[in-house]
Amino acid sequence: MSKPCLSVITIVYNNVKDIERTMLSVLNQTYPNIEYIIIDGASTDGTKDIVYQYKSRLAQFISEPDKGIYDAMNKGIGLATGDYLLFMNSGDEIYAPETVSEVFATAEAADIYYGETEMFNDKWESLGQRRHHAPENFSWESFRFGMSISHQAIYVKRDIAEPFDLNYKYSSDIDWIIKAAKNASSIVNTHLYVAKYLVGGISKKKHLASLKERFRIFTKYYGLIPNLINHAVIALNLTRYFIRNRRTND
């Protein structure tokens, strides 16, 4: 079988510090069939100059004002022609040069592939695995106790992907993944670390607003009463997590 084409979409705005690192993690992949799309929100800090250095290796590059990160991500979806979509936004990285090849080697023609994420701080020092580990088996119901897969760690078949809902400003990626999982008939756990994630994105900077949106999204899919009960479990698990890690650090 021919190798499926992966459309990797990078969203960036005024991030001259990190954009090249992200781009090289894509451009240095050993996998031969990648379509790389960069959507810039009309940066003014030199980001575009770095992107232009690699323009001949890009499938698409646009730089223009947008209505926010999810509007930019929708532009990427609109330009993509690959079989699968992967969002690797500025500051994040595909885990290793062999990662994409290893992901597609785990199974043929799945609707979704997913894996684990390693977190990094702004000095690019590893903070270890995300608190929410990727579940052994993933479905649209798996997020009821928290976002257990980051959008950098999930490859979604383009045919089942819908646009991001622009009614959500901070957590539309959660809604997008749940909808994709509901549309999927085959979801594969690669059992691999597939992404490196730079902590401190917009959902962290607008943490309270992001949490409110998440609650709305989870209520839409899981119902109000189950969501309230699930959030009680989330609070308990979070308390245990911080107590355990405080003891480890003492």
Foldseek 3Di string as FASTA:
>chain_A
DDDFAEEEEAEDAQCLPFQVVAVCLVVLAPDDHYAYEYEYQQHDNCNVVSVVVCVVVHNYYDYHHADADLRSVLVSLVPDDTQKYAYAYGPKHFDHNHQVVLQCVQDDDFQKEFEWEWEAEPVRDTPGTDPQAADPDDALCVCLLHDNGDRNGMIGGSVQFDRFDPVQRQASVNVRVSSRRVSGPGYHYSHDHTMYHYPDDPCNVVVVSNVVVVLVSSCVPPNNVSSVVSVVVNVVVVVVVVVVVVVVVD
